[in-house]
Amino acid sequence: MTASTTPARILILDDDAELRSMLARYLGGQGFEVRCVANAPEMQRLLDREGWDVLVLDVMMPGEDGLSLCRRLRATGETIPILMLTARGDPVDRIVGLEMGADDYLPKPFNPRELSARLQAMVRRQAMTGVRPVAKADVCRFGPFAFDMSARSLHRADVYLPLTSGEFALLQALVSHPNRPLGRDRLIELAYGRDHEATDRSIDVQIMRLRRLIEDQPAQPRYIQTVWGIGYQFCPAGEP
């Protein structure tokens, strides 16, 4: 495994129940923490709620296939490393997958040892960048702040900072995806739901209000940073 003290967390989406069971057993025995799901909504729920090191996507699935899922995730600013599994042998399909935003590609049938080795390599690359997902917790601490998601409260030291419901939802969406650029559409979906009628402008206004609460210099934010061409990113370390 890696030098990390915590096991790498792997999320696998495949509609083959037998393959899911085999991968969960094998990769679990290799020291990974593995969660397997059979459909895209369950995958999305886990991506939104928890931190994962690698997402493994099956290309050939009923409904929304792996290529479409990969493209949609990248379009919303999701940066998790993605490995594609496919029964297709055409090299063109591999190129298409990489163009959609996949980081690696493994054709079926494959040797589980090769999948394990590729996952370890992807996790090592993530570790070299200094980016690892954090487990979701009720309290997120950054700088002098404590954001309690269960109590729906934000404190700076011992000073309570009131939040509107909209500000709370947006801050929760940001801190639940640390060090990940999130597009405005993705933030609307995470904070308010897919059917909410929020606009890009309303997100910008809420971000401005949050910066006034937590940034010493709102014009030069450290915690909620702008990612040009994408949207915003929460940086718990507060690095400019």
C-alpha atoms as a PDB file:
ATOM      1  CA  MET A   1       0.000   0.000   0.000  1.00  0.00           C
ATOM      2  CA  THR A   2       1.048   3.632   0.424  1.00  0.00           C
ATOM      3  CA  ALA A   3       3.045   5.366   3.119  1.00  0.00           C
ATOM      4  CA  SER A   4      -0.154   6.901   4.451  1.00  0.00           C
ATOM      5  CA  THR A   5      -1.285   5.754   7.877  1.00  0.00           C
ATOM      6  CA  THR A   6      -4.839   5.384   6.592  1.00  0.00           C
ATOM      7  CA  PRO A   7      -5.891   2.972   3.827  1.00  0.00           C
ATOM      8  CA  ALA A   8      -6.654   4.390   0.412  1.00  0.00           C
ATOM      9  CA  ARG A   9     -10.396   4.558  -0.195  1.00  0.00           C
ATOM     10  CA  ILE A  10     -11.636   3.138  -3.499  1.00  0.00           C
ATOM     11  CA  LEU A  11     -15.171   3.619  -4.831  1.00  0.00           C
ATOM     12  CA  ILE A  12     -16.200   1.140  -7.560  1.00  0.00           C
ATOM     13  CA  LEU A  13     -19.231   1.420  -9.850  1.00  0.00           C
ATOM     14  CA  ASP A  14     -20.006  -1.740 -11.829  1.00  0.00           C
ATOM     15  CA  ASP A  15     -23.320  -3.410 -12.662  1.00  0.00           C
ATOM     16  CA  ASP A  16     -21.801  -6.916 -12.403  1.00  0.00           C
ATOM     17  CA  ALA A  17     -22.595  -8.167  -8.888  1.00  0.00           C
ATOM     18  CA  GLU A  18     -20.098 -11.056  -9.104  1.00  0.00           C
ATOM     19  CA  LEU A  19     -17.279  -8.729 -10.146  1.00  0.00           C
ATOM     20  CA  ARG A  20     -18.149  -6.258  -7.381  1.00  0.00           C
ATOM     21  CA  SER A  21     -17.966  -9.017  -4.794  1.00  0.00           C
ATOM     22  CA  MET A  22     -14.642 -10.299  -6.119  1.00  0.00           C
ATOM     23  CA  LEU A  23     -13.061  -6.838  -6.232  1.00  0.00           C
ATOM     24  CA  ALA A  24     -14.264  -5.979  -2.731  1.00  0.00           C
ATOM     25  CA  ARG A  25     -12.676  -9.147  -1.353  1.00  0.00           C
ATOM     26  CA  TYR A  26      -9.431  -8.944  -3.292  1.00  0.00           C
ATOM     27  CA  LEU A  27      -8.736  -5.217  -2.949  1.00  0.00           C
ATOM     28  CA  GLY A  28      -9.773  -5.316   0.697  1.00  0.00           C
ATOM     29  CA  GLY A  29      -7.164  -8.015   1.197  1.00  0.00           C
ATOM     30  CA  GLN A  30      -4.598  -5.729  -0.441  1.00  0.00           C
ATOM     31  CA  GLY A  31      -5.164  -3.071   2.208  1.00  0.00           C
ATOM     32  CA  PHE A  32      -7.628  -0.818   0.389  1.00  0.00           C
ATOM     33  CA  GLU A  33     -10.891   0.381   1.892  1.00  0.00           C
ATOM     34  CA  VAL A  34     -13.398  -0.539  -0.815  1.00  0.00           C
ATOM     35  CA  ARG A  35     -17.033   0.363  -1.437  1.00  0.00           C
ATOM     36  CA  CYS A  36     -18.843  -1.091  -4.462  1.00  0.00           C
ATOM     37  CA  VAL A  37     -22.103   0.254  -5.892  1.00  0.00           C
ATOM     38  CA  ALA A  38     -24.321  -0.861  -8.764  1.00  0.00           C
ATOM     39  CA  ASN A  39     -25.744   2.436 -10.043  1.00  0.00           C
ATOM     40  CA  ALA A  40     -24.838   6.069 -10.687  1.00  0.00           C
ATOM     41  CA  PRO A  41     -27.159   7.671  -8.067  1.00  0.00           C
ATOM     42  CA  GLU A  42     -25.566   5.631  -5.273  1.00  0.00           C
ATOM     43  CA  MET A  43     -22.102   6.525  -6.581  1.00  0.00           C
ATOM     44  CA  GLN A  44     -23.001  10.214  -6.593  1.00  0.00           C
ATOM     45  CA  ARG A  45     -24.407  10.051  -3.067  1.00  0.00           C
ATOM     46  CA  LEU A  46     -21.170   8.564  -1.752  1.00  0.00           C
ATOM     47  CA  LEU A  47     -19.023  11.045  -3.689  1.00  0.00           C
ATOM     48  CA  ASP A  48     -20.989  13.905  -2.157  1.00  0.00           C
ATOM     49  CA  ARG A  49     -20.860  12.582   1.403  1.00  0.00           C
ATOM     50  CA  GLU A  50     -17.406  11.032   1.731  1.00  0.00           C
ATOM     51  CA  GLY A  51     -13.804  11.443   0.625  1.00  0.00           C
ATOM     52  CA  TRP A  52     -12.401   8.905  -1.865  1.00  0.00           C
ATOM     53  CA  ASP A  53      -8.951   8.419  -3.373  1.00  0.00           C
ATOM     54  CA  VAL A  54      -9.927   6.743  -6.661  1.00  0.00           C
ATOM     55  CA  LEU A  55     -13.176   6.118  -8.535  1.00  0.00           C
ATOM     56  CA  VAL A  56     -13.366   2.961 -10.695  1.00  0.00           C
ATOM     57  CA  LEU A  57     -16.023   3.195 -13.430  1.00  0.00           C
ATOM     58  CA  ASP A  58     -17.329   0.432 -15.662  1.00  0.00           C
ATOM     59  CA  VAL A  59     -17.835   1.715 -19.206  1.00  0.00           C
ATOM     60  CA  MET A  60     -20.575  -0.680 -20.337  1.00  0.00           C
ATOM     61  CA  MET A  61     -23.601  -0.165 -18.096  1.00  0.00           C
ATOM     62  CA  PRO A  62     -27.339   0.209 -18.704  1.00  0.00           C
ATOM     63  CA  GLY A  63     -28.589   3.764 -18.607  1.00  0.00           C
ATOM     64  CA  GLU A  64     -25.823   6.331 -18.213  1.00  0.00           C
ATOM     65  CA  ASP A  65     -22.579   4.594 -19.204  1.00  0.00           C
ATOM     66  CA  GLY A  66     -19.167   5.109 -17.660  1.00  0.00           C
ATOM     67  CA  LEU A  67     -17.933   7.483 -20.363  1.00  0.00           C
ATOM     68  CA  SER A  68     -20.931   9.769 -19.912  1.00  0.00           C
ATOM     69  CA  LEU A  69     -20.530   9.651 -16.125  1.00  0.00           C
ATOM     70  CA  CYS A  70     -16.853  10.536 -16.406  1.00  0.00           C
ATOM     71  CA  ARG A  71     -17.601  13.456 -18.683  1.00  0.00           C
ATOM     72  CA  ARG A  72     -20.374  14.716 -16.392  1.00  0.00           C
ATOM     73  CA  LEU A  73     -18.200  14.488 -13.277  1.00  0.00           C
ATOM     74  CA  ARG A  74     -15.377  16.424 -14.913  1.00  0.00           C
ATOM     75  CA  ALA A  75     -17.812  19.043 -16.230  1.00  0.00           C
ATOM     76  CA  THR A  76     -18.996  19.734 -12.668  1.00  0.00           C
ATOM     77  CA  GLY A  77     -15.445  20.173 -11.374  1.00  0.00           C
ATOM     78  CA  GLU A  78     -14.977  16.728  -9.795  1.00  0.00           C
ATOM     79  CA  THR A  79     -11.221  16.054  -9.631  1.00  0.00           C
ATOM     80  CA  ILE A  80     -11.102  12.536  -8.150  1.00  0.00           C
ATOM     81  CA  PRO A  81      -8.793  10.208 -10.139  1.00  0.00           C
ATOM     82  CA  ILE A  82     -10.870   7.919 -12.366  1.00  0.00           C
ATOM     83  CA  LEU A  83      -9.940   4.484 -13.692  1.00  0.00           C
ATOM     84  CA  MET A  84     -12.165   3.065 -16.426  1.00  0.00           C
ATOM     85  CA  LEU A  85     -13.002  -0.647 -16.752  1.00  0.00           C
ATOM     86  CA  THR A  86     -14.320  -1.891 -20.073  1.00  0.00           C
ATOM     87  CA  ALA A  87     -14.944  -5.042 -22.075  1.00  0.00           C
ATOM     88  CA  ARG A  88     -14.133  -3.128 -25.229  1.00  0.00           C
ATOM     89  CA  GLY A  89     -10.750  -3.842 -26.770  1.00  0.00           C
ATOM     90  CA  ASP A  90     -10.614  -1.058 -29.361  1.00  0.00           C
ATOM     91  CA  PRO A  91      -7.752   1.385 -28.623  1.00  0.00           C
ATOM     92  CA  VAL A  92     -10.025   4.189 -29.838  1.00  0.00           C
ATOM     93  CA  ASP A  93     -12.297   3.587 -26.839  1.00  0.00           C
ATOM     94  CA  ARG A  94      -9.317   4.019 -24.525  1.00  0.00           C
ATOM     95  CA  ILE A  95      -8.475   7.327 -26.191  1.00  0.00           C
ATOM     96  CA  VAL A  96     -12.092   8.493 -25.876  1.00  0.00           C
ATOM     97  CA  GLY A  97     -12.097   7.604 -22.177  1.00  0.00           C
ATOM     98  CA  LEU A  98      -8.932   9.582 -21.553  1.00  0.00           C
ATOM     99  CA  GLU A  99     -10.328  12.519 -23.514  1.00  0.00           C
ATOM    100  CA  MET A 100     -13.431  12.429 -21.324  1.00  0.00           C
ATOM    101  CA  GLY A 101     -11.213  12.931 -18.271  1.00  0.00           C
ATOM    102  CA  ALA A 102     -10.268   9.420 -17.145  1.00  0.00           C
ATOM    103  CA  ASP A 103      -6.810   9.016 -15.618  1.00  0.00           C
ATOM    104  CA  ASP A 104      -6.270   5.351 -16.457  1.00  0.00           C
ATOM    105  CA  TYR A 105      -7.922   2.545 -18.416  1.00  0.00           C
ATOM    106  CA  LEU A 106      -8.021  -1.232 -17.896  1.00  0.00           C
ATOM    107  CA  PRO A 107      -9.756  -3.618 -20.354  1.00  0.00           C
ATOM    108  CA  LYS A 108     -11.741  -6.642 -19.171  1.00  0.00           C
ATOM    109  CA  PRO A 109     -10.910  -9.372 -18.433  1.00  0.00           C
ATOM    110  CA  PHE A 110      -8.056  -8.182 -16.234  1.00  0.00           C
ATOM    111  CA  ASN A 111      -5.779  -9.590 -13.569  1.00  0.00           C
ATOM    112  CA  PRO A 112      -6.836  -8.228 -10.143  1.00  0.00           C
ATOM    113  CA  ARG A 113      -3.138  -7.782  -9.312  1.00  0.00           C
ATOM    114  CA  GLU A 114      -2.807  -5.361 -12.223  1.00  0.00           C
ATOM    115  CA  LEU A 115      -5.829  -3.384 -11.025  1.00  0.00           C
ATOM    116  CA  SER A 116      -4.335  -3.248  -7.530  1.00  0.00           C
ATOM    117  CA  ALA A 117      -0.999  -2.040  -8.920  1.00  0.00           C
ATOM    118  CA  ARG A 118      -2.670   0.655 -11.011  1.00  0.00           C
ATOM    119  CA  LEU A 119      -4.720   1.853  -8.041  1.00  0.00           C
ATOM    120  CA  GLN A 120      -1.610   2.029  -5.873  1.00  0.00           C
ATOM    121  CA  ALA A 121       0.144   4.078  -8.558  1.00  0.00           C
ATOM    122  CA  MET A 122      -2.798   6.497  -8.763  1.00  0.00           C
ATOM    123  CA  VAL A 123      -2.863   6.898  -4.984  1.00  0.00           C
ATOM    124  CA  ARG A 124       0.901   7.552  -4.943  1.00  0.00           C
ATOM    125  CA  ARG A 125       0.494  10.267  -7.550  1.00  0.00           C
ATOM    126  CA  GLN A 126      -2.194  11.874  -5.405  1.00  0.00           C
ATOM    127  CA  ALA A 127       0.059  11.687  -2.348  1.00  0.00           C
ATOM    128  CA  MET A 128       2.854  13.423  -4.267  1.00  0.00           C
ATOM    129  CA  THR A 129       0.543  16.382  -4.885  1.00  0.00           C
ATOM    130  CA  GLY A 130      -0.281  16.568  -1.169  1.00  0.00           C
ATOM    131  CA  VAL A 131      -3.988  16.091  -1.831  1.00  0.00           C
ATOM    132  CA  ARG A 132      -5.888  13.364   0.032  1.00  0.00           C
ATOM    133  CA  PRO A 133      -9.623  13.383   0.712  1.00  0.00           C
ATOM    134  CA  VAL A 134     -10.610  13.806   4.321  1.00  0.00           C
ATOM    135  CA  ALA A 135     -13.257  11.769   6.037  1.00  0.00           C
ATOM    136  CA  LYS A 136     -16.411  13.713   6.519  1.00  0.00           C
ATOM    137  CA  ALA A 137     -16.796  14.844  10.106  1.00  0.00           C
ATOM    138  CA  ASP A 138     -19.420  16.791  11.966  1.00  0.00           C
ATOM    139  CA  VAL A 139     -16.911  19.527  12.846  1.00  0.00           C
ATOM    140  CA  CYS A 140     -14.528  21.025  10.314  1.00  0.00           C
ATOM    141  CA  ARG A 141     -11.697  23.121  11.781  1.00  0.00           C
ATOM    142  CA  PHE A 142      -9.724  25.537   9.659  1.00  0.00           C
ATOM    143  CA  GLY A 143      -7.587  28.376  10.937  1.00  0.00           C
ATOM    144  CA  PRO A 144      -9.343  29.870  13.983  1.00  0.00           C
ATOM    145  CA  PHE A 145     -12.735  28.565  12.822  1.00  0.00           C
ATOM    146  CA  ALA A 146     -14.872  25.598  13.865  1.00  0.00           C
ATOM    147  CA  PHE A 147     -17.760  24.733  11.546  1.00  0.00           C
ATOM    148  CA  ASP A 148     -20.160  22.325  13.260  1.00  0.00           C
ATOM    149  CA  MET A 149     -22.394  20.791  10.608  1.00  0.00           C
ATOM    150  CA  SER A 150     -24.572  18.937  13.093  1.00  0.00           C
ATOM    151  CA  ALA A 151     -25.233  22.048  15.166  1.00  0.00           C
ATOM    152  CA  ARG A 152     -25.320  24.209  12.003  1.00  0.00           C
ATOM    153  CA  SER A 153     -22.982  26.701  13.661  1.00  0.00           C
ATOM    154  CA  LEU A 154     -19.777  28.550  12.847  1.00  0.00           C
ATOM    155  CA  HIS A 155     -17.426  29.891  15.525  1.00  0.00           C
ATOM    156  CA  ARG A 156     -14.252  31.933  15.358  1.00  0.00           C
ATOM    157  CA  ALA A 157     -12.464  31.002  18.588  1.00  0.00           C
ATOM    158  CA  ASP A 158     -15.339  31.398  21.061  1.00  0.00           C
ATOM    159  CA  VAL A 159     -17.280  33.921  18.975  1.00  0.00           C
ATOM    160  CA  TYR A 160     -20.456  32.661  17.314  1.00  0.00           C
ATOM    161  CA  LEU A 161     -20.884  33.765  13.691  1.00  0.00           C
ATOM    162  CA  PRO A 162     -24.507  33.547  12.498  1.00  0.00           C
ATOM    163  CA  LEU A 163     -25.178  31.946   9.115  1.00  0.00           C
ATOM    164  CA  THR A 164     -28.257  32.099   6.942  1.00  0.00           C
ATOM    165  CA  SER A 165     -29.587  28.748   5.733  1.00  0.00           C
ATOM    166  CA  GLY A 166     -28.190  29.461   2.282  1.00  0.00           C
ATOM    167  CA  GLU A 167     -24.760  30.358   3.619  1.00  0.00           C
ATOM    168  CA  PHE A 168     -24.704  27.241   5.788  1.00  0.00           C
ATOM    169  CA  ALA A 169     -25.636  24.969   2.852  1.00  0.00           C
ATOM    170  CA  LEU A 170     -22.991  26.492   0.602  1.00  0.00           C
ATOM    171  CA  LEU A 171     -20.245  26.380   3.242  1.00  0.00           C
ATOM    172  CA  GLN A 172     -21.124  22.756   4.005  1.00  0.00           C
ATOM    173  CA  ALA A 173     -20.827  21.883   0.308  1.00  0.00           C
ATOM    174  CA  LEU A 174     -17.421  23.540   0.122  1.00  0.00           C
ATOM    175  CA  VAL A 175     -15.881  22.078   3.285  1.00  0.00           C
ATOM    176  CA  SER A 176     -17.160  18.598   2.360  1.00  0.00           C
ATOM    177  CA  HIS A 177     -14.993  18.725  -0.783  1.00  0.00           C
ATOM    178  CA  PRO A 178     -11.692  20.265   0.389  1.00  0.00           C
ATOM    179  CA  ASN A 179      -9.036  21.173  -2.162  1.00  0.00           C
ATOM    180  CA  ARG A 180     -11.373  20.371  -5.042  1.00  0.00           C
ATOM    181  CA  PRO A 181     -12.421  22.996  -7.595  1.00  0.00           C
ATOM    182  CA  LEU A 182     -16.225  23.028  -7.795  1.00  0.00           C
ATOM    183  CA  GLY A 183     -18.184  24.654 -10.581  1.00  0.00           C
ATOM    184  CA  ARG A 184     -21.151  26.860  -9.763  1.00  0.00           C
ATOM    185  CA  ASP A 185     -23.630  24.324 -11.138  1.00  0.00           C
ATOM    186  CA  ARG A 186     -22.048  21.646  -8.960  1.00  0.00           C
ATOM    187  CA  LEU A 187     -22.231  23.900  -5.896  1.00  0.00           C
ATOM    188  CA  ILE A 188     -25.907  24.586  -6.561  1.00  0.00           C
ATOM    189  CA  GLU A 189     -26.556  20.848  -6.810  1.00  0.00           C
ATOM    190  CA  LEU A 190     -24.577  20.034  -3.642  1.00  0.00           C
ATOM    191  CA  ALA A 191     -25.928  22.873  -1.527  1.00  0.00           C
ATOM    192  CA  TYR A 192     -29.518  23.221  -2.675  1.00  0.00           C
ATOM    193  CA  GLY A 193     -30.413  20.230  -4.853  1.00  0.00           C
ATOM    194  CA  ARG A 194     -30.646  19.648  -8.589  1.00  0.00           C
ATOM    195  CA  ASP A 195     -34.074  21.252  -8.951  1.00  0.00           C
ATOM    196  CA  HIS A 196     -33.185  24.471  -7.129  1.00  0.00           C
ATOM    197  CA  GLU A 197     -33.531  27.641  -9.163  1.00  0.00           C
ATOM    198  CA  ALA A 198     -30.346  29.267  -7.859  1.00  0.00           C
ATOM    199  CA  THR A 199     -28.201  31.080 -10.421  1.00  0.00           C
ATOM    200  CA  ASP A 200     -24.472  31.533 -10.894  1.00  0.00           C
ATOM    201  CA  ARG A 201     -24.887  35.096  -9.665  1.00  0.00           C
ATOM    202  CA  SER A 202     -26.608  33.982  -6.452  1.00  0.00           C
ATOM    203  CA  ILE A 203     -23.676  31.622  -5.753  1.00  0.00           C
ATOM    204  CA  ASP A 204     -21.226  34.490  -6.264  1.00  0.00           C
ATOM    205  CA  VAL A 205     -23.197  36.651  -3.822  1.00  0.00           C
ATOM    206  CA  GLN A 206     -23.252  33.889  -1.170  1.00  0.00           C
ATOM    207  CA  ILE A 207     -19.508  33.365  -1.636  1.00  0.00           C
ATOM    208  CA  MET A 208     -18.939  37.078  -1.121  1.00  0.00           C
ATOM    209  CA  ARG A 209     -20.932  36.955   2.140  1.00  0.00           C
ATOM    210  CA  LEU A 210     -19.034  33.917   3.390  1.00  0.00           C
ATOM    211  CA  ARG A 211     -15.724  35.592   2.629  1.00  0.00           C
ATOM    212  CA  ARG A 212     -16.752  38.599   4.674  1.00  0.00           C
ATOM    213  CA  LEU A 213     -17.325  36.229   7.597  1.00  0.00           C
ATOM    214  CA  ILE A 214     -14.182  34.112   7.456  1.00  0.00           C
ATOM    215  CA  GLU A 215     -11.548  35.973   5.466  1.00  0.00           C
ATOM    216  CA  ASP A 216      -9.269  38.595   7.022  1.00  0.00           C
ATOM    217  CA  GLN A 217      -8.986  40.126   3.562  1.00  0.00           C
ATOM    218  CA  PRO A 218     -12.068  39.183   1.519  1.00  0.00           C
ATOM    219  CA  ALA A 219     -10.489  40.609  -1.633  1.00  0.00           C
ATOM    220  CA  GLN A 220      -7.560  38.223  -1.177  1.00  0.00           C
ATOM    221  CA  PRO A 221      -9.271  35.080   0.150  1.00  0.00           C
ATOM    222  CA  ARG A 222      -7.273  32.229   1.662  1.00  0.00           C
ATOM    223  CA  TYR A 223      -9.978  29.710   2.552  1.00  0.00           C
ATOM    224  CA  ILE A 224     -12.532  30.127  -0.252  1.00  0.00           C
ATOM    225  CA  GLN A 225     -10.472  30.662  -3.361  1.00  0.00           C
ATOM    226  CA  THR A 226     -11.574  31.408  -6.899  1.00  0.00           C
ATOM    227  CA  VAL A 227     -10.513  28.891  -9.535  1.00  0.00           C
ATOM    228  CA  TRP A 228     -10.677  30.819 -12.773  1.00  0.00           C
ATOM    229  CA  GLY A 229     -12.723  29.158 -15.476  1.00  0.00           C
ATOM    230  CA  ILE A 230     -14.246  26.655 -13.024  1.00  0.00           C
ATOM    231  CA  GLY A 231     -15.674  28.143  -9.825  1.00  0.00           C
ATOM    232  CA  TYR A 232     -14.488  27.965  -6.214  1.00  0.00           C
ATOM    233  CA  GLN A 233     -12.346  25.781  -3.974  1.00  0.00           C
ATOM    234  CA  PHE A 234     -12.197  25.414  -0.192  1.00  0.00           C
ATOM    235  CA  CYS A 235      -8.595  25.354   1.090  1.00  0.00           C
ATOM    236  CA  PRO A 236      -8.580  24.376   4.785  1.00  0.00           C
ATOM    237  CA  ALA A 237      -4.852  25.099   5.096  1.00  0.00           C
ATOM    238  CA  GLY A 238      -5.546  28.699   4.143  1.00  0.00           C
ATOM    239  CA  GLU A 239      -2.738  28.877   1.619  1.00  0.00           C
ATOM    240  CA  PRO A 240      -2.904  31.781  -0.825  1.00  0.00           C
END
